[in-house]
Amino acid sequence: MTSVAFVVFEGFQSMALAAMPVFEYANFSAGEPLYEVSVLSEDGRTLRASGGLSIGTEAFDDRVFDTLIVVGGDSIIEQAPEAVLTYLRDNLKITRRTASICSGAFVLAQAGLLDGRRATTHWAYARELQARFPSIKVEEDRIYVVDGSIWTSAGMTAGIDLALAMVEKDHGVELARAVAQKLVMYQRRAGGQSQHSALLELEPKSDRIQTVLGYAREHLAQALSVEHLADVARLSPRQFSRAFRAETGQSPAKAIENLRLEAARQMLESGRLTLDQIATESGFSDPRRMREAFLRAFGQPPQVIRRNARQLH
């Protein structure tokens, strides 16, 4: 059985523990106990998370865990407890993999575990991590990064993606997919995927515009003209364009291009489809138009983004 321990501290972010059910449901889906999960702290006290949740912990001792996962929290960005840093250093060579969720990367960095490695963290902290620890190559727009035995993830929900990737590494893609389905995840995200969401950035206010964007995302391969989208919204094209820009700050054409870019990038990073297929599925119609859009948005052609994503695995 694979032993997994979450390392916590006073004031940790409770959302980081959302990765724990991934291992629970791996056991359930496999029909056998594949993982045993513990929660560790310096002295085994009941600790209080930043949001008020209290959780019982076990104290650091001589047990050897297969996987250590350090959670995030604002309280450790400046300085983590020395006992935590010592524990991580002492276990680096005897633990198969050591991981962090969100700002937990600062703990690994303070312990010296990220020196000379690639890593990621929440996008809001990425530049601070890079500035304070220049020996780290911070991949500031990644969901998670694996560099040898060290795994780091972005914000709290990205810890779920990281845990699923661990299950896939240990027991295969089918079990990881079954766990994701049981957790009702809309999509399993690859490590190279961007932390930003085109839909979240649009932030539509009304149900009408939200419905249009949901429709567009599900029908990207179609033409999606303003007239078509206005019909979905049950508005005239002029009324729709004016309402759309007022709510999102973008024209319908620009928003649809961003959704197509996001979908195309996700397909590129999954590595399963050809450029022609991706261009068709995402609605760019041909690779040339897709390439032009990628150069405008990312400054790189699709081939380079695919190659970079492959290098992260």
Protein backbone atom coordinates (compact mmCIF):
# COMPACT_ATOMS: atom_id res chain seq x y z
CA MET A 1 0.00 0.00 0.00
CA THR A 2 1.25 3.50 -0.86
CA SER A 3 1.51 5.80 2.15
CA VAL A 4 0.67 9.48 1.55
CA ALA A 5 1.10 12.16 4.20
CA PHE A 6 -0.19 15.73 4.05
CA VAL A 7 2.04 18.12 6.03
CA VAL A 8 0.10 20.94 7.68
CA PHE A 9 0.77 23.81 10.10
CA GLU A 10 -1.22 26.40 12.04
CA GLY A 11 -3.18 28.62 9.66
CA PHE A 12 -2.96 26.29 6.65
CA GLN A 13 -5.48 26.65 3.81
CA SER A 14 -8.08 23.93 4.30
CA MET A 15 -8.91 23.85 0.57
CA ALA A 16 -5.51 22.23 -0.03
CA LEU A 17 -6.87 19.10 1.62
CA ALA A 18 -9.36 18.78 -1.26
CA ALA A 19 -6.70 16.56 -2.83
CA MET A 20 -7.17 13.94 -0.10
CA PRO A 21 -10.37 12.39 -1.54
CA VAL A 22 -8.48 11.56 -4.74
CA PHE A 23 -6.61 8.83 -2.86
CA GLU A 24 -9.76 7.76 -1.00
CA TYR A 25 -11.66 7.32 -4.25
CA ALA A 26 -8.72 5.54 -5.86
CA ASN A 27 -9.16 2.88 -3.17
CA PHE A 28 -12.90 2.82 -3.75
CA SER A 29 -12.62 2.64 -7.54
CA ALA A 30 -9.96 -0.07 -7.46
CA GLY A 31 -11.87 -2.13 -4.92
CA GLU A 32 -8.77 -2.50 -2.77
CA PRO A 33 -6.68 -0.35 -0.41
CA LEU A 34 -4.06 1.21 -2.69
CA TYR A 35 -3.37 4.29 -0.54
CA GLU A 36 -3.17 5.05 3.16
CA VAL A 37 -3.43 8.78 3.96
CA SER A 38 -2.17 10.59 7.07
CA VAL A 39 -2.07 14.23 8.17
CA LEU A 40 1.17 15.28 9.89
CA SER A 41 2.32 18.28 11.86
CA GLU A 42 5.27 19.24 14.03
CA ASP A 43 3.80 18.06 17.32
CA GLY A 44 0.59 16.21 16.47
CA ARG A 45 -1.76 18.88 17.83
CA THR A 46 -5.22 19.69 16.54
CA LEU A 47 -4.55 22.57 14.15
CA ARG A 48 -6.84 25.34 12.97
CA ALA A 49 -6.96 26.26 9.29
CA SER A 50 -7.19 29.85 8.08
CA GLY A 51 -10.93 29.48 7.46
CA GLY A 52 -11.66 28.08 10.93
CA LEU A 53 -11.66 24.33 10.23
CA SER A 54 -9.84 22.28 12.86
CA ILE A 55 -8.16 18.99 12.05
CA GLY A 56 -6.40 16.36 14.11
CA THR A 57 -2.84 15.52 13.11
CA GLU A 58 -0.10 13.01 13.88
CA ALA A 59 3.34 14.17 14.99
CA PHE A 60 6.48 13.87 12.88
CA ASP A 61 8.34 10.66 13.73
CA ASP A 62 10.60 8.06 12.13
CA ARG A 63 7.95 6.62 9.81
CA VAL A 64 8.88 6.63 6.14
CA PHE A 65 6.15 7.77 3.75
CA ASP A 66 6.08 7.10 0.03
CA THR A 67 4.67 10.58 -0.72
CA LEU A 68 4.79 13.80 1.29
CA ILE A 69 2.49 16.66 0.26
CA VAL A 70 3.00 20.10 1.82
CA VAL A 71 -0.17 22.20 1.80
CA GLY A 72 -0.34 25.95 1.28
CA GLY A 73 -1.25 28.88 3.47
CA ASP A 74 -0.36 32.54 3.87
CA SER A 75 1.27 31.90 7.24
CA ILE A 76 4.24 30.05 5.74
CA ILE A 77 5.10 32.25 2.76
CA GLU A 78 7.55 34.36 4.74
CA GLN A 79 8.90 31.61 6.98
CA ALA A 80 7.75 28.06 7.60
CA PRO A 81 8.37 26.42 11.00
CA GLU A 82 11.95 25.18 11.22
CA ALA A 83 10.74 21.75 12.33
CA VAL A 84 8.81 21.40 9.06
CA LEU A 85 11.86 22.38 6.99
CA THR A 86 14.07 19.94 8.87
CA TYR A 87 11.53 17.14 8.45
CA LEU A 88 11.37 17.68 4.68
CA ARG A 89 15.17 17.81 4.32
CA ASP A 90 15.60 14.65 6.38
CA ASN A 91 13.05 12.76 4.30
CA LEU A 92 14.02 13.96 0.82
CA LYS A 93 16.20 10.95 -0.02
CA ILE A 94 14.00 8.31 1.59
CA THR A 95 10.64 9.54 0.30
CA ARG A 96 9.80 8.59 -3.29
CA ARG A 97 8.19 11.93 -4.04
CA THR A 98 7.71 15.22 -2.25
CA ALA A 99 5.02 17.64 -3.37
CA SER A 100 3.49 21.02 -2.62
CA ILE A 101 0.09 22.56 -3.21
CA CYS A 102 -0.21 26.28 -3.96
CA SER A 103 2.01 28.38 -1.66
CA GLY A 104 3.38 25.18 -0.15
CA ALA A 105 6.07 25.66 -2.80
CA PHE A 106 7.55 28.34 -0.53
CA VAL A 107 8.09 25.68 2.14
CA LEU A 108 9.92 23.43 -0.31
CA ALA A 109 11.97 26.41 -1.45
CA GLN A 110 12.88 27.41 2.11
CA ALA A 111 13.98 23.82 2.75
CA GLY A 112 16.24 24.00 -0.33
CA LEU A 113 14.33 21.24 -2.13
CA LEU A 114 13.63 23.36 -5.22
CA ASP A 115 17.18 24.60 -5.84
CA GLY A 116 18.00 24.17 -9.53
CA ARG A 117 14.57 22.69 -10.27
CA ARG A 118 11.49 23.69 -12.21
CA ALA A 119 8.44 24.43 -10.06
CA THR A 120 5.13 26.24 -9.99
CA THR A 121 2.78 27.85 -7.49
CA HIS A 122 -0.36 29.98 -7.54
CA TRP A 123 0.01 32.62 -10.26
CA ALA A 124 -0.38 35.43 -7.68
CA TYR A 125 2.75 34.22 -5.84
CA ALA A 126 4.87 33.04 -8.77
CA ARG A 127 6.94 36.18 -9.25
CA GLU A 128 7.62 36.49 -5.53
CA LEU A 129 8.80 32.88 -5.45
CA GLN A 130 11.12 33.56 -8.39
CA ALA A 131 12.48 36.77 -6.88
CA ARG A 132 13.19 35.29 -3.47
CA PHE A 133 14.63 32.02 -4.80
CA PRO A 134 16.37 32.82 -8.10
CA SER A 135 17.87 29.34 -8.44
CA ILE A 136 14.36 27.98 -9.11
CA LYS A 137 12.96 28.02 -12.64
CA VAL A 138 9.38 29.06 -11.85
CA GLU A 139 6.81 27.99 -14.46
CA GLU A 140 4.28 30.61 -13.45
CA ASP A 141 1.41 29.53 -15.70
CA ARG A 142 1.41 25.76 -15.13
CA ILE A 143 -1.17 23.64 -13.32
CA TYR A 144 1.53 21.39 -11.91
CA VAL A 145 5.18 20.63 -12.62
CA VAL A 146 7.08 17.40 -12.06
CA ASP A 147 10.86 17.64 -11.77
CA GLY A 148 12.35 14.35 -10.71
CA SER A 149 10.96 13.41 -7.30
CA ILE A 150 9.57 16.90 -6.65
CA TRP A 151 6.00 17.76 -7.65
CA THR A 152 4.56 21.28 -7.30
CA SER A 153 1.08 22.54 -8.14
CA ALA A 154 -0.67 25.86 -8.66
CA GLY A 155 -3.63 27.12 -6.61
CA MET A 156 -5.69 24.93 -4.31
CA THR A 157 -7.86 23.10 -6.86
CA ALA A 158 -4.73 22.31 -8.89
CA GLY A 159 -3.78 20.04 -6.00
CA ILE A 160 -6.58 17.75 -7.15
CA ASP A 161 -5.02 17.60 -10.63
CA LEU A 162 -1.64 16.87 -9.07
CA ALA A 163 -3.08 14.03 -6.96
CA LEU A 164 -4.84 12.57 -9.99
CA ALA A 165 -1.56 12.67 -11.89
CA MET A 166 0.03 10.72 -9.04
CA VAL A 167 -2.71 8.08 -9.23
CA GLU A 168 -2.22 7.86 -12.99
CA LYS A 169 1.54 7.49 -12.53
CA ASP A 170 1.04 4.75 -9.93
CA HIS A 171 -1.89 2.81 -11.36
CA GLY A 172 -2.68 4.01 -14.88
CA VAL A 173 -4.93 6.40 -16.73
CA GLU A 174 -8.12 4.34 -16.40
CA LEU A 175 -8.12 4.48 -12.61
CA ALA A 176 -7.32 8.21 -12.63
CA ARG A 177 -10.20 8.79 -15.04
CA ALA A 178 -12.58 6.77 -12.85
CA VAL A 179 -11.59 8.83 -9.80
CA ALA A 180 -12.11 12.10 -11.71
CA GLN A 181 -15.57 10.94 -12.75
CA LYS A 182 -16.50 10.06 -9.17
CA LEU A 183 -15.34 13.51 -8.05
CA VAL A 184 -17.58 15.00 -10.78
CA MET A 185 -14.68 16.84 -12.36
CA TYR A 186 -15.59 18.57 -15.59
CA GLN A 187 -12.14 17.93 -17.01
CA ARG A 188 -8.84 16.47 -15.86
CA ARG A 189 -6.20 19.10 -16.49
CA ALA A 190 -2.73 18.29 -17.76
CA GLY A 191 0.23 19.75 -15.91
CA GLY A 192 1.15 22.04 -18.79
CA GLN A 193 -2.27 23.64 -18.97
CA SER A 194 -2.63 27.34 -18.21
CA GLN A 195 -3.85 28.43 -14.76
CA HIS A 196 -6.13 31.03 -16.36
CA SER A 197 -9.63 30.43 -17.69
CA ALA A 198 -11.09 32.41 -20.58
CA LEU A 199 -14.61 31.99 -19.20
CA LEU A 200 -13.65 33.20 -15.73
CA GLU A 201 -11.95 36.27 -17.18
CA LEU A 202 -15.11 37.22 -19.08
CA GLU A 203 -17.29 37.20 -15.92
CA PRO A 204 -20.69 37.72 -17.58
CA LYS A 205 -23.34 39.18 -15.27
CA SER A 206 -26.61 37.99 -16.80
CA ASP A 207 -27.91 34.47 -17.35
CA ARG A 208 -28.48 35.37 -20.99
CA ILE A 209 -24.81 36.07 -21.74
CA GLN A 210 -23.69 33.14 -19.57
CA THR A 211 -25.93 30.88 -21.62
CA VAL A 212 -24.41 32.18 -24.85
CA LEU A 213 -20.87 31.56 -23.61
CA GLY A 214 -21.77 28.07 -22.45
CA TYR A 215 -23.31 27.37 -25.83
CA ALA A 216 -20.27 28.74 -27.62
CA ARG A 217 -17.87 26.60 -25.61
CA GLU A 218 -19.87 23.48 -26.50
CA HIS A 219 -20.08 24.40 -30.21
CA LEU A 220 -16.65 25.87 -31.00
CA ALA A 221 -16.39 23.88 -34.24
CA GLN A 222 -19.34 25.85 -35.63
CA ALA A 223 -19.10 29.29 -37.27
CA LEU A 224 -20.61 31.14 -34.24
CA SER A 225 -21.41 34.40 -36.00
CA VAL A 226 -22.82 37.35 -34.07
CA GLU A 227 -26.18 36.64 -35.68
CA HIS A 228 -26.07 33.02 -34.50
CA LEU A 229 -25.11 33.96 -30.95
CA ALA A 230 -27.70 36.74 -30.86
CA ASP A 231 -30.32 34.17 -31.79
CA VAL A 232 -29.21 31.97 -28.86
CA ALA A 233 -29.57 35.02 -26.59
CA ARG A 234 -32.92 35.91 -28.19
CA LEU A 235 -31.74 39.42 -28.94
CA SER A 236 -31.14 41.36 -32.13
CA PRO A 237 -27.49 41.29 -33.28
CA ARG A 238 -27.09 44.96 -32.32
CA GLN A 239 -28.65 44.50 -28.86
CA PHE A 240 -26.57 41.36 -28.28
CA SER A 241 -23.25 42.95 -29.28
CA ARG A 242 -23.91 45.94 -27.05
CA ALA A 243 -24.96 43.79 -24.05
CA PHE A 244 -22.06 41.38 -24.54
CA ARG A 245 -19.43 44.12 -24.56
CA ALA A 246 -21.03 45.87 -21.59
CA GLU A 247 -20.89 42.69 -19.48
CA THR A 248 -17.56 41.21 -20.56
CA GLY A 249 -15.52 44.13 -21.83
CA GLN A 250 -14.87 42.24 -25.08
CA SER A 251 -16.50 41.96 -28.46
CA PRO A 252 -18.21 38.62 -29.20
CA ALA A 253 -15.58 37.86 -31.86
CA LYS A 254 -12.68 38.42 -29.46
CA ALA A 255 -14.29 36.35 -26.71
CA ILE A 256 -14.95 33.45 -29.07
CA GLU A 257 -11.35 33.57 -30.30
CA ASN A 258 -10.13 33.38 -26.69
CA LEU A 259 -12.36 30.38 -26.01
CA ARG A 260 -11.02 28.72 -29.16
CA LEU A 261 -7.44 29.47 -28.14
CA GLU A 262 -8.03 27.95 -24.71
CA ALA A 263 -9.62 24.82 -26.18
CA ALA A 264 -6.91 24.46 -28.82
CA ARG A 265 -4.16 24.88 -26.23
CA GLN A 266 -5.69 22.19 -24.04
CA MET A 267 -5.85 19.80 -27.01
CA LEU A 268 -2.27 20.60 -27.95
CA GLU A 269 -1.05 19.87 -24.44
CA SER A 270 -2.93 16.56 -24.30
CA GLY A 271 -0.92 15.52 -27.37
CA ARG A 272 -3.57 13.24 -28.87
CA LEU A 273 -4.73 15.14 -31.99
CA THR A 274 -2.97 16.49 -35.08
CA LEU A 275 -2.82 20.23 -35.75
CA ASP A 276 -5.41 19.83 -38.53
CA GLN A 277 -7.79 18.05 -36.15
CA ILE A 278 -7.27 20.62 -33.40
CA ALA A 279 -7.89 23.51 -35.79
CA THR A 280 -11.14 21.89 -36.90
CA GLU A 281 -12.33 20.93 -33.41
CA SER A 282 -11.62 24.38 -31.95
CA GLY A 283 -13.24 26.24 -34.84
CA PHE A 284 -10.19 27.85 -36.47
CA SER A 285 -11.00 25.92 -39.66
CA ASP A 286 -7.35 25.51 -40.71
CA PRO A 287 -3.89 25.38 -39.06
CA ARG A 288 -2.77 28.66 -40.65
CA ARG A 289 -5.50 30.69 -38.95
CA MET A 290 -4.86 28.87 -35.69
CA ARG A 291 -1.14 29.64 -35.94
CA GLU A 292 -1.83 33.34 -36.51
CA ALA A 293 -4.13 33.46 -33.46
CA PHE A 294 -1.52 31.69 -31.30
CA LEU A 295 1.18 34.12 -32.35
CA ARG A 296 -1.07 37.08 -31.49
CA ALA A 297 -2.07 35.66 -28.11
CA PHE A 298 1.02 33.79 -26.91
CA GLY A 299 3.85 34.94 -29.16
CA GLN A 300 4.51 31.28 -30.03
CA PRO A 301 3.17 28.92 -32.70
CA PRO A 302 1.16 25.83 -31.68
CA GLN A 303 4.11 23.48 -32.32
CA VAL A 304 6.27 25.23 -29.72
CA ILE A 305 3.51 25.13 -27.09
CA ARG A 306 3.03 21.41 -27.71
CA ARG A 307 6.76 20.76 -27.46
CA ASN A 308 7.02 22.74 -24.22
CA ALA A 309 4.11 20.82 -22.71
CA ARG A 310 5.75 17.50 -23.55
CA GLN A 311 8.95 18.59 -21.84
CA LEU A 312 7.03 19.12 -18.59
CA HIS A 313 6.13 15.43 -18.34
